[in-house]
Amino acid sequence: LYDISSVLGVSIDILTGNSTSSLKTMIAVDGGGSKTEFLLFDEE
């Protein structure tokens, strides 16, 4: 999807039909010896 979006000059959100949101998303990870936590969150 990254390569396709670059060739077509559009965002991945548009390719996946999620163009209604312009908010940035991010992934945060906290890892330890027993568990690893992953969060997907946006700028709000």
ModelCIF file with pLDDT and N, C-alpha, C, O atoms, coordinates in Angstrom:
data_MODEL
#
_entry.id   MODEL 
#
_entity.id                         1 
_entity.type                       polymer 
_entity.pdbx_number_of_molecules   1 
#
_entity_poly.entity_id                      1 
_entity_poly.type                           'polypeptide(L)' 
_entity_poly.nstd_linkage                   no 
_entity_poly.nstd_monomer                   no 
_entity_poly.pdbx_seq_one_letter_code       LYDISSVLGVSIDILTGNSTSSLKTMIAVDGGGSKTEFLLFDEE 
_entity_poly.pdbx_seq_one_letter_code_can   LYDISSVLGVSIDILTGNSTSSLKTMIAVDGGGSKTEFLLFDEE 
_entity_poly.pdbx_strand_id                 A 
#
loop_
_entity_poly_seq.entity_id 
_entity_poly_seq.num 
_entity_poly_seq.mon_id 
_entity_poly_seq.hetero 
1 1  LEU n 
1 2  TYR n 
1 3  ASP n 
1 4  ILE n 
1 5  SER n 
1 6  SER n 
1 7  VAL n 
1 8  LEU n 
1 9  GLY n 
1 10 VAL n 
1 11 SER n 
1 12 ILE n 
1 13 ASP n 
1 14 ILE n 
1 15 LEU n 
1 16 THR n 
1 17 GLY n 
1 18 ASN n 
1 19 SER n 
1 20 THR n 
1 21 SER n 
1 22 SER n 
1 23 LEU n 
1 24 LYS n 
1 25 THR n 
1 26 MET n 
1 27 ILE n 
1 28 ALA n 
1 29 VAL n 
1 30 ASP n 
1 31 GLY n 
1 32 GLY n 
1 33 GLY n 
1 34 SER n 
1 35 LYS n 
1 36 THR n 
1 37 GLU n 
1 38 PHE n 
1 39 LEU n 
1 40 LEU n 
1 41 PHE n 
1 42 ASP n 
1 43 GLU n 
1 44 GLU n 
#
_struct_asym.id          A 
_struct_asym.entity_id   1 
#
loop_
_ma_qa_metric.id 
_ma_qa_metric.mode 
_ma_qa_metric.name 
_ma_qa_metric.software_group_id 
_ma_qa_metric.type 
1 global pLDDT . pLDDT 
2 local  pLDDT . pLDDT 
#
_ma_qa_metric_global.metric_id      1 
_ma_qa_metric_global.metric_value   72.66 
_ma_qa_metric_global.model_id       1 
_ma_qa_metric_global.ordinal_id     1 
#
loop_
_ma_qa_metric_local.label_asym_id 
_ma_qa_metric_local.label_comp_id 
_ma_qa_metric_local.label_seq_id 
_ma_qa_metric_local.metric_id 
_ma_qa_metric_local.metric_value 
_ma_qa_metric_local.model_id 
_ma_qa_metric_local.ordinal_id 
A LEU 1  2 57.00 1 1  
A TYR 2  2 53.00 1 2  
A ASP 3  2 58.00 1 3  
A ILE 4  2 57.00 1 4  
A SER 5  2 52.00 1 5  
A SER 6  2 46.00 1 6  
A VAL 7  2 47.00 1 7  
A LEU 8  2 46.00 1 8  
A GLY 9  2 42.00 1 9  
A VAL 10 2 43.00 1 10 
A SER 11 2 46.00 1 11 
A ILE 12 2 52.00 1 12 
A ASP 13 2 54.00 1 13 
A ILE 14 2 48.00 1 14 
A LEU 15 2 53.00 1 15 
A THR 16 2 56.00 1 16 
A GLY 17 2 53.00 1 17 
A ASN 18 2 52.00 1 18 
A SER 19 2 45.00 1 19 
A THR 20 2 43.00 1 20 
A SER 21 2 56.00 1 21 
A SER 22 2 76.00 1 22 
A LEU 23 2 88.00 1 23 
A LYS 24 2 92.00 1 24 
A THR 25 2 96.00 1 25 
A MET 26 2 97.00 1 26 
A ILE 27 2 98.00 1 27 
A ALA 28 2 98.00 1 28 
A VAL 29 2 98.00 1 29 
A ASP 30 2 96.00 1 30 
A GLY 31 2 93.00 1 31 
A GLY 32 2 87.00 1 32 
A GLY 33 2 82.00 1 33 
A SER 34 2 83.00 1 34 
A LYS 35 2 91.00 1 35 
A THR 36 2 96.00 1 36 
A GLU 37 2 97.00 1 37 
A PHE 38 2 98.00 1 38 
A LEU 39 2 97.00 1 39 
A LEU 40 2 97.00 1 40 
A PHE 41 2 96.00 1 41 
A ASP 42 2 95.00 1 42 
A GLU 43 2 94.00 1 43 
A GLU 44 2 93.00 1 44 
#
loop_
_atom_site.group_PDB 
_atom_site.id 
_atom_site.type_symbol 
_atom_site.label_atom_id 
_atom_site.label_alt_id 
_atom_site.label_comp_id 
_atom_site.label_asym_id 
_atom_site.label_entity_id 
_atom_site.label_seq_id 
_atom_site.pdbx_PDB_ins_code 
_atom_site.Cartn_x 
_atom_site.Cartn_y 
_atom_site.Cartn_z 
_atom_site.occupancy 
_atom_site.B_iso_or_equiv 
_atom_site.pdbx_formal_charge 
_atom_site.auth_seq_id 
_atom_site.auth_comp_id 
_atom_site.auth_asym_id 
_atom_site.auth_atom_id 
_atom_site.pdbx_PDB_model_num 
ATOM 1   N N  . LEU A 1 1  ? 0.824   -1.208  0.000  1.00 57.00 ? 1  LEU A N  1 
ATOM 2   C CA . LEU A 1 1  ? 0.000   0.000   0.000  1.00 57.00 ? 1  LEU A CA 1 
ATOM 3   C C  . LEU A 1 1  ? 0.861   1.262   0.000  1.00 57.00 ? 1  LEU A C  1 
ATOM 4   O O  . LEU A 1 1  ? 0.502   2.265   -0.618 1.00 57.00 ? 1  LEU A O  1 
ATOM 5   N N  . TYR A 1 2  ? 1.994   1.208   0.693  1.00 53.00 ? 2  TYR A N  1 
ATOM 6   C CA . TYR A 1 2  ? 2.873   2.375   0.721  1.00 53.00 ? 2  TYR A CA 1 
ATOM 7   C C  . TYR A 1 2  ? 3.368   2.722   -0.682 1.00 53.00 ? 2  TYR A C  1 
ATOM 8   O O  . TYR A 1 2  ? 3.372   3.887   -1.082 1.00 53.00 ? 2  TYR A O  1 
ATOM 9   N N  . ASP A 1 3  ? 3.789   1.681   -1.430 1.00 58.00 ? 3  ASP A N  1 
ATOM 10  C CA . ASP A 1 3  ? 4.309   1.912   -2.772 1.00 58.00 ? 3  ASP A CA 1 
ATOM 11  C C  . ASP A 1 3  ? 3.202   2.366   -3.728 1.00 58.00 ? 3  ASP A C  1 
ATOM 12  O O  . ASP A 1 3  ? 3.424   3.238   -4.569 1.00 58.00 ? 3  ASP A O  1 
ATOM 13  N N  . ILE A 1 4  ? 2.007   1.773   -3.597 1.00 57.00 ? 4  ILE A N  1 
ATOM 14  C CA . ILE A 1 4  ? 0.887   2.140   -4.459 1.00 57.00 ? 4  ILE A CA 1 
ATOM 15  C C  . ILE A 1 4  ? 0.485   3.590   -4.230 1.00 57.00 ? 4  ILE A C  1 
ATOM 16  O O  . ILE A 1 4  ? 0.213   4.324   -5.180 1.00 57.00 ? 4  ILE A O  1 
ATOM 17  N N  . SER A 1 5  ? 0.449   4.003   -2.952 1.00 52.00 ? 5  SER A N  1 
ATOM 18  C CA . SER A 1 5  ? 0.053   5.383   -2.646 1.00 52.00 ? 5  SER A CA 1 
ATOM 19  C C  . SER A 1 5  ? 1.056   6.376   -3.212 1.00 52.00 ? 5  SER A C  1 
ATOM 20  O O  . SER A 1 5  ? 0.683   7.470   -3.637 1.00 52.00 ? 5  SER A O  1 
ATOM 21  N N  . SER A 1 6  ? 2.346   5.988   -3.217 1.00 46.00 ? 6  SER A N  1 
ATOM 22  C CA . SER A 1 6  ? 3.369   6.880   -3.761 1.00 46.00 ? 6  SER A CA 1 
ATOM 23  C C  . SER A 1 6  ? 3.227   7.018   -5.270 1.00 46.00 ? 6  SER A C  1 
ATOM 24  O O  . SER A 1 6  ? 3.347   8.122   -5.802 1.00 46.00 ? 6  SER A O  1 
ATOM 25  N N  . VAL A 1 7  ? 2.974   5.920   -5.960 1.00 47.00 ? 7  VAL A N  1 
ATOM 26  C CA . VAL A 1 7  ? 2.845   5.946   -7.423 1.00 47.00 ? 7  VAL A CA 1 
ATOM 27  C C  . VAL A 1 7  ? 1.628   6.759   -7.854 1.00 47.00 ? 7  VAL A C  1 
ATOM 28  O O  . VAL A 1 7  ? 1.693   7.528   -8.813 1.00 47.00 ? 7  VAL A O  1 
ATOM 29  N N  . LEU A 1 8  ? 0.506   6.581   -7.132 1.00 46.00 ? 8  LEU A N  1 
ATOM 30  C CA . LEU A 1 8  ? -0.735  7.266   -7.498 1.00 46.00 ? 8  LEU A CA 1 
ATOM 31  C C  . LEU A 1 8  ? -0.803  8.683   -6.944 1.00 46.00 ? 8  LEU A C  1 
ATOM 32  O O  . LEU A 1 8  ? -1.640  9.481   -7.367 1.00 46.00 ? 8  LEU A O  1 
ATOM 33  N N  . GLY A 1 9  ? 0.081   8.997   -5.995 1.00 42.00 ? 9  GLY A N  1 
ATOM 34  C CA . GLY A 1 9  ? 0.080   10.350  -5.429 1.00 42.00 ? 9  GLY A CA 1 
ATOM 35  C C  . GLY A 1 9  ? -1.094  10.624  -4.523 1.00 42.00 ? 9  GLY A C  1 
ATOM 36  O O  . GLY A 1 9  ? -1.547  11.764  -4.420 1.00 42.00 ? 9  GLY A O  1 
ATOM 37  N N  . VAL A 1 10 ? -1.599  9.589   -3.859 1.00 43.00 ? 10 VAL A N  1 
ATOM 38  C CA . VAL A 1 10 ? -2.715  9.751   -2.915 1.00 43.00 ? 10 VAL A CA 1 
ATOM 39  C C  . VAL A 1 10 ? -2.319  9.119   -1.589 1.00 43.00 ? 10 VAL A C  1 
ATOM 40  O O  . VAL A 1 10 ? -1.373  8.335   -1.513 1.00 43.00 ? 10 VAL A O  1 
ATOM 41  N N  . SER A 1 11 ? -3.064  9.477   -0.544 1.00 46.00 ? 11 SER A N  1 
ATOM 42  C CA . SER A 1 11 ? -2.761  8.909   0.766  1.00 46.00 ? 11 SER A CA 1 
ATOM 43  C C  . SER A 1 11 ? -3.295  7.485   0.873  1.00 46.00 ? 11 SER A C  1 
ATOM 44  O O  . SER A 1 11 ? -4.172  7.073   0.114  1.00 46.00 ? 11 SER A O  1 
ATOM 45  N N  . ILE A 1 12 ? -2.747  6.749   1.829  1.00 52.00 ? 12 ILE A N  1 
ATOM 46  C CA . ILE A 1 12 ? -3.235  5.386   2.063  1.00 52.00 ? 12 ILE A CA 1 
ATOM 47  C C  . ILE A 1 12 ? -4.661  5.412   2.579  1.00 52.00 ? 12 ILE A C  1 
ATOM 48  O O  . ILE A 1 12 ? -5.436  4.492   2.319  1.00 52.00 ? 12 ILE A O  1 
ATOM 49  N N  . ASP A 1 13 ? -5.014  6.475   3.317  1.00 54.00 ? 13 ASP A N  1 
ATOM 50  C CA . ASP A 1 13 ? -6.396  6.587   3.795  1.00 54.00 ? 13 ASP A CA 1 
ATOM 51  C C  . ASP A 1 13 ? -7.379  6.575   2.632  1.00 54.00 ? 13 ASP A C  1 
ATOM 52  O O  . ASP A 1 13 ? -8.439  5.956   2.723  1.00 54.00 ? 13 ASP A O  1 
ATOM 53  N N  . ILE A 1 14 ? -7.038  7.254   1.540  1.00 48.00 ? 14 ILE A N  1 
ATOM 54  C CA . ILE A 1 14 ? -7.925  7.280   0.380  1.00 48.00 ? 14 ILE A CA 1 
ATOM 55  C C  . ILE A 1 14 ? -7.993  5.903   -0.255 1.00 48.00 ? 14 ILE A C  1 
ATOM 56  O O  . ILE A 1 14 ? -9.069  5.447   -0.641 1.00 48.00 ? 14 ILE A O  1 
ATOM 57  N N  . LEU A 1 15 ? -6.838  5.231   -0.369 1.00 53.00 ? 15 LEU A N  1 
ATOM 58  C CA . LEU A 1 15 ? -6.816  3.888   -0.950 1.00 53.00 ? 15 LEU A CA 1 
ATOM 59  C C  . LEU A 1 15 ? -7.687  2.915   -0.162 1.00 53.00 ? 15 LEU A C  1 
ATOM 60  O O  . LEU A 1 15 ? -8.315  2.026   -0.737 1.00 53.00 ? 15 LEU A O  1 
ATOM 61  N N  . THR A 1 16 ? -7.722  3.088   1.152  1.00 56.00 ? 16 THR A N  1 
ATOM 62  C CA . THR A 1 16 ? -8.465  2.161   2.005  1.00 56.00 ? 16 THR A CA 1 
ATOM 63  C C  . THR A 1 16 ? -9.872  2.644   2.330  1.00 56.00 ? 16 THR A C  1 
ATOM 64  O O  . THR A 1 16 ? -10.580 2.034   3.132  1.00 56.00 ? 16 THR A O  1 
ATOM 65  N N  . GLY A 1 17 ? -10.272 3.752   1.696  1.00 53.00 ? 17 GLY A N  1 
ATOM 66  C CA . GLY A 1 17 ? -11.626 4.259   1.919  1.00 53.00 ? 17 GLY A CA 1 
ATOM 67  C C  . GLY A 1 17 ? -11.810 4.942   3.243  1.00 53.00 ? 17 GLY A C  1 
ATOM 68  O O  . GLY A 1 17 ? -12.924 4.987   3.765  1.00 53.00 ? 17 GLY A O  1 
ATOM 69  N N  . ASN A 1 18 ? -10.741 5.479   3.804  1.00 52.00 ? 18 ASN A N  1 
ATOM 70  C CA . ASN A 1 18 ? -10.824 6.144   5.105  1.00 52.00 ? 18 ASN A CA 1 
ATOM 71  C C  . ASN A 1 18 ? -10.436 7.612   4.985  1.00 52.00 ? 18 ASN A C  1 
ATOM 72  O O  . ASN A 1 18 ? -9.757  8.165   5.850  1.00 52.00 ? 18 ASN A O  1 
ATOM 73  N N  . SER A 1 19 ? -10.882 8.230   3.896  1.00 45.00 ? 19 SER A N  1 
ATOM 74  C CA . SER A 1 19 ? -10.443 9.594   3.615  1.00 45.00 ? 19 SER A CA 1 
ATOM 75  C C  . SER A 1 19 ? -11.200 10.659  4.393  1.00 45.00 ? 19 SER A C  1 
ATOM 76  O O  . SER A 1 19 ? -10.894 11.845  4.277  1.00 45.00 ? 19 SER A O  1 
ATOM 77  N N  . THR A 1 20 ? -12.186 10.249  5.185  1.00 43.00 ? 20 THR A N  1 
ATOM 78  C CA . THR A 1 20 ? -12.984 11.227  5.926  1.00 43.00 ? 20 THR A CA 1 
ATOM 79  C C  . THR A 1 20 ? -12.222 11.786  7.123  1.00 43.00 ? 20 THR A C  1 
ATOM 80  O O  . THR A 1 20 ? -12.588 12.829  7.665  1.00 43.00 ? 20 THR A O  1 
ATOM 81  N N  . SER A 1 21 ? -11.159 11.090  7.535  1.00 56.00 ? 21 SER A N  1 
ATOM 82  C CA . SER A 1 21 ? -10.417 11.548  8.703  1.00 56.00 ? 21 SER A CA 1 
ATOM 83  C C  . SER A 1 21 ? -9.056  12.066  8.293  1.00 56.00 ? 21 SER A C  1 
ATOM 84  O O  . SER A 1 21 ? -8.320  11.408  7.559  1.00 56.00 ? 21 SER A O  1 
ATOM 85  N N  . SER A 1 22 ? -8.730  13.247  8.773  1.00 76.00 ? 22 SER A N  1 
ATOM 86  C CA . SER A 1 22 ? -7.421  13.811  8.471  1.00 76.00 ? 22 SER A CA 1 
ATOM 87  C C  . SER A 1 22 ? -6.528  13.813  9.705  1.00 76.00 ? 22 SER A C  1 
ATOM 88  O O  . SER A 1 22 ? -5.436  14.381  9.682  1.00 76.00 ? 22 SER A O  1 
ATOM 89  N N  . LEU A 1 23 ? -6.986  13.181  10.779 1.00 88.00 ? 23 LEU A N  1 
ATOM 90  C CA . LEU A 1 23 ? -6.210  13.151  12.013 1.00 88.00 ? 23 LEU A CA 1 
ATOM 91  C C  . LEU A 1 23 ? -5.018  12.202  11.877 1.00 88.00 ? 23 LEU A C  1 
ATOM 92  O O  . LEU A 1 23 ? -5.132  11.116  11.308 1.00 88.00 ? 23 LEU A O  1 
ATOM 93  N N  . LYS A 1 24 ? -3.898  12.625  12.400 1.00 92.00 ? 24 LYS A N  1 
ATOM 94  C CA . LYS A 1 24 ? -2.723  11.765  12.396 1.00 92.00 ? 24 LYS A CA 1 
ATOM 95  C C  . LYS A 1 24 ? -2.902  10.641  13.409 1.00 92.00 ? 24 LYS A C  1 
ATOM 96  O O  . LYS A 1 24 ? -3.429  10.857  14.501 1.00 92.00 ? 24 LYS A O  1 
ATOM 97  N N  . THR A 1 25 ? -2.464  9.449   13.044 1.00 96.00 ? 25 THR A N  1 
ATOM 98  C CA . THR A 1 25 ? -2.453  8.324   13.973 1.00 96.00 ? 25 THR A CA 1 
ATOM 99  C C  . THR A 1 25 ? -1.012  7.936   14.256 1.00 96.00 ? 25 THR A C  1 
ATOM 100 O O  . THR A 1 25 ? -0.114  8.182   13.451 1.00 96.00 ? 25 THR A O  1 
ATOM 101 N N  . MET A 1 26 ? -0.811  7.330   15.410 1.00 97.00 ? 26 MET A N  1 
ATOM 102 C CA . MET A 1 26 ? 0.518   6.926   15.853 1.00 97.00 ? 26 MET A CA 1 
ATOM 103 C C  . MET A 1 26 ? 0.429   5.618   16.616 1.00 97.00 ? 26 MET A C  1 
ATOM 104 O O  . MET A 1 26 ? -0.639  5.238   17.095 1.00 97.00 ? 26 MET A O  1 
ATOM 105 N N  . ILE A 1 27 ? 1.566   4.928   16.726 1.00 98.00 ? 27 ILE A N  1 
ATOM 106 C CA . ILE A 1 27 ? 1.638   3.672   17.471 1.00 98.00 ? 27 ILE A CA 1 
ATOM 107 C C  . ILE A 1 27 ? 2.671   3.816   18.582 1.00 98.00 ? 27 ILE A C  1 
ATOM 108 O O  . ILE A 1 27 ? 3.812   4.213   18.344 1.00 98.00 ? 27 ILE A O  1 
ATOM 109 N N  . ALA A 1 28 ? 2.245   3.484   19.801 1.00 98.00 ? 28 ALA A N  1 
ATOM 110 C CA . ALA A 1 28 ? 3.134   3.531   20.965 1.00 98.00 ? 28 ALA A CA 1 
ATOM 111 C C  . ALA A 1 28 ? 3.262   2.126   21.540 1.00 98.00 ? 28 ALA A C  1 
ATOM 112 O O  . ALA A 1 28 ? 2.277   1.394   21.638 1.00 98.00 ? 28 ALA A O  1 
ATOM 113 N N  . VAL A 1 29 ? 4.480   1.756   21.917 1.00 98.00 ? 29 VAL A N  1 
ATOM 114 C CA . VAL A 1 29 ? 4.736   0.418   22.440 1.00 98.00 ? 29 VAL A CA 1 
ATOM 115 C C  . VAL A 1 29 ? 5.520   0.511   23.738 1.00 98.00 ? 29 VAL A C  1 
ATOM 116 O O  . VAL A 1 29 ? 6.498   1.252   23.839 1.00 98.00 ? 29 VAL A O  1 
ATOM 117 N N  . ASP A 1 30 ? 5.072   -0.254  24.733 1.00 96.00 ? 30 ASP A N  1 
ATOM 118 C CA . ASP A 1 30 ? 5.808   -0.371  25.996 1.00 96.00 ? 30 ASP A CA 1 
ATOM 119 C C  . ASP A 1 30 ? 6.076   -1.845  26.231 1.00 96.00 ? 30 ASP A C  1 
ATOM 120 O O  . ASP A 1 30 ? 5.150   -2.630  26.434 1.00 96.00 ? 30 ASP A O  1 
ATOM 121 N N  . GLY A 1 31 ? 7.358   -2.220  26.203 1.00 93.00 ? 31 GLY A N  1 
ATOM 122 C CA . GLY A 1 31 ? 7.709   -3.629  26.313 1.00 93.00 ? 31 GLY A CA 1 
ATOM 123 C C  . GLY A 1 31 ? 8.487   -3.951  27.567 1.00 93.00 ? 31 GLY A C  1 
ATOM 124 O O  . GLY A 1 31 ? 9.310   -3.154  28.017 1.00 93.00 ? 31 GLY A O  1 
ATOM 125 N N  . GLY A 1 32 ? 8.228   -5.121  28.136 1.00 87.00 ? 32 GLY A N  1 
ATOM 126 C CA . GLY A 1 32 ? 8.925   -5.561  29.335 1.00 87.00 ? 32 GLY A CA 1 
ATOM 127 C C  . GLY A 1 32 ? 9.301   -7.021  29.251 1.00 87.00 ? 32 GLY A C  1 
ATOM 128 O O  . GLY A 1 32 ? 9.266   -7.620  28.176 1.00 87.00 ? 32 GLY A O  1 
ATOM 129 N N  . GLY A 1 33 ? 9.661   -7.597  30.390 1.00 82.00 ? 33 GLY A N  1 
ATOM 130 C CA . GLY A 1 33 ? 10.063  -8.993  30.410 1.00 82.00 ? 33 GLY A CA 1 
ATOM 131 C C  . GLY A 1 33 ? 8.906   -9.961  30.331 1.00 82.00 ? 33 GLY A C  1 
ATOM 132 O O  . GLY A 1 33 ? 9.085   -11.105 29.912 1.00 82.00 ? 33 GLY A O  1 
ATOM 133 N N  . SER A 1 34 ? 7.698   -9.517  30.733 1.00 83.00 ? 34 SER A N  1 
ATOM 134 C CA . SER A 1 34 ? 6.549   -10.421 30.768 1.00 83.00 ? 34 SER A CA 1 
ATOM 135 C C  . SER A 1 34 ? 5.453   -10.067 29.765 1.00 83.00 ? 34 SER A C  1 
ATOM 136 O O  . SER A 1 34 ? 4.714   -10.947 29.324 1.00 83.00 ? 34 SER A O  1 
ATOM 137 N N  . LYS A 1 35 ? 5.340   -8.784  29.401 1.00 91.00 ? 35 LYS A N  1 
ATOM 138 C CA . LYS A 1 35 ? 4.294   -8.405  28.455 1.00 91.00 ? 35 LYS A CA 1 
ATOM 139 C C  . LYS A 1 35 ? 4.725   -7.190  27.643 1.00 91.00 ? 35 LYS A C  1 
ATOM 140 O O  . LYS A 1 35 ? 5.596   -6.418  28.042 1.00 91.00 ? 35 LYS A O  1 
ATOM 141 N N  . THR A 1 36 ? 4.078   -7.052  26.486 1.00 96.00 ? 36 THR A N  1 
ATOM 142 C CA . THR A 1 36 ? 4.317   -5.907  25.607 1.00 96.00 ? 36 THR A CA 1 
ATOM 143 C C  . THR A 1 36 ? 2.967   -5.308  25.250 1.00 96.00 ? 36 THR A C  1 
ATOM 144 O O  . THR A 1 36 ? 2.056   -6.016  24.821 1.00 96.00 ? 36 THR A O  1 
ATOM 145 N N  . GLU A 1 37 ? 2.845   -4.000  25.428 1.00 97.00 ? 37 GLU A N  1 
ATOM 146 C CA . GLU A 1 37 ? 1.582   -3.309  25.167 1.00 97.00 ? 37 GLU A CA 1 
ATOM 147 C C  . GLU A 1 37 ? 1.724   -2.412  23.940 1.00 97.00 ? 37 GLU A C  1 
ATOM 148 O O  . GLU A 1 37 ? 2.683   -1.651  23.814 1.00 97.00 ? 37 GLU A O  1 
ATOM 149 N N  . PHE A 1 38 ? 0.753   -2.520  23.045 1.00 98.00 ? 38 PHE A N  1 
ATOM 150 C CA . PHE A 1 38 ? 0.724   -1.739  21.816 1.00 98.00 ? 38 PHE A CA 1 
ATOM 151 C C  . PHE A 1 38 ? -0.539  -0.872  21.813 1.00 98.00 ? 38 PHE A C  1 
ATOM 152 O O  . PHE A 1 38 ? -1.637  -1.371  22.058 1.00 98.00 ? 38 PHE A O  1 
ATOM 153 N N  . LEU A 1 39 ? -0.380  0.426   21.534 1.00 97.00 ? 39 LEU A N  1 
ATOM 154 C CA . LEU A 1 39 ? -1.524  1.327   21.435 1.00 97.00 ? 39 LEU A CA 1 
ATOM 155 C C  . LEU A 1 39 ? -1.524  2.022   20.084 1.00 97.00 ? 39 LEU A C  1 
ATOM 156 O O  . LEU A 1 39 ? -0.490  2.503   19.620 1.00 97.00 ? 39 LEU A O  1 
ATOM 157 N N  . LEU A 1 40 ? -2.688  2.071   19.461 1.00 97.00 ? 40 LEU A N  1 
ATOM 158 C CA . LEU A 1 40 ? -2.911  2.904   18.287 1.00 97.00 ? 40 LEU A CA 1 
ATOM 159 C C  . LEU A 1 40 ? -3.749  4.084   18.752 1.00 97.00 ? 40 LEU A C  1 
ATOM 160 O O  . LEU A 1 40 ? -4.831  3.895   19.307 1.00 97.00 ? 40 LEU A O  1 
ATOM 161 N N  . PHE A 1 41 ? -3.258  5.306   18.529 1.00 96.00 ? 41 PHE A N  1 
ATOM 162 C CA . PHE A 1 41 ? -3.971  6.487   19.017 1.00 96.00 ? 41 PHE A CA 1 
ATOM 163 C C  . PHE A 1 41 ? -3.846  7.605   17.998 1.00 96.00 ? 41 PHE A C  1 
ATOM 164 O O  . PHE A 1 41 ? -2.996  7.561   17.108 1.00 96.00 ? 41 PHE A O  1 
ATOM 165 N N  . ASP A 1 42 ? -4.717  8.622   18.141 1.00 95.00 ? 42 ASP A N  1 
ATOM 166 C CA . ASP A 1 42 ? -4.638  9.741   17.216 1.00 95.00 ? 42 ASP A CA 1 
ATOM 167 C C  . ASP A 1 42 ? -4.233  11.016  17.959 1.00 95.00 ? 42 ASP A C  1 
ATOM 168 O O  . ASP A 1 42 ? -4.088  11.018  19.181 1.00 95.00 ? 42 ASP A O  1 
ATOM 169 N N  . GLU A 1 43 ? -4.056  12.084  17.210 1.00 94.00 ? 43 GLU A N  1 
ATOM 170 C CA . GLU A 1 43 ? -3.548  13.322  17.792 1.00 94.00 ? 43 GLU A CA 1 
ATOM 171 C C  . GLU A 1 43 ? -4.529  13.993  18.741 1.00 94.00 ? 43 GLU A C  1 
ATOM 172 O O  . GLU A 1 43 ? -4.154  14.917  19.462 1.00 94.00 ? 43 GLU A O  1 
ATOM 173 N N  . GLU A 1 44 ? -5.776  13.545  18.752 1.00 93.00 ? 44 GLU A N  1 
ATOM 174 C CA . GLU A 1 44 ? -6.748  14.046  19.728 1.00 93.00 ? 44 GLU A CA 1 
ATOM 175 C C  . GLU A 1 44 ? -6.671  13.270  21.049 1.00 93.00 ? 44 GLU A C  1 
ATOM 176 O O  . GLU A 1 44 ? -7.420  13.562  21.981 1.00 93.00 ? 44 GLU A O  1 
#
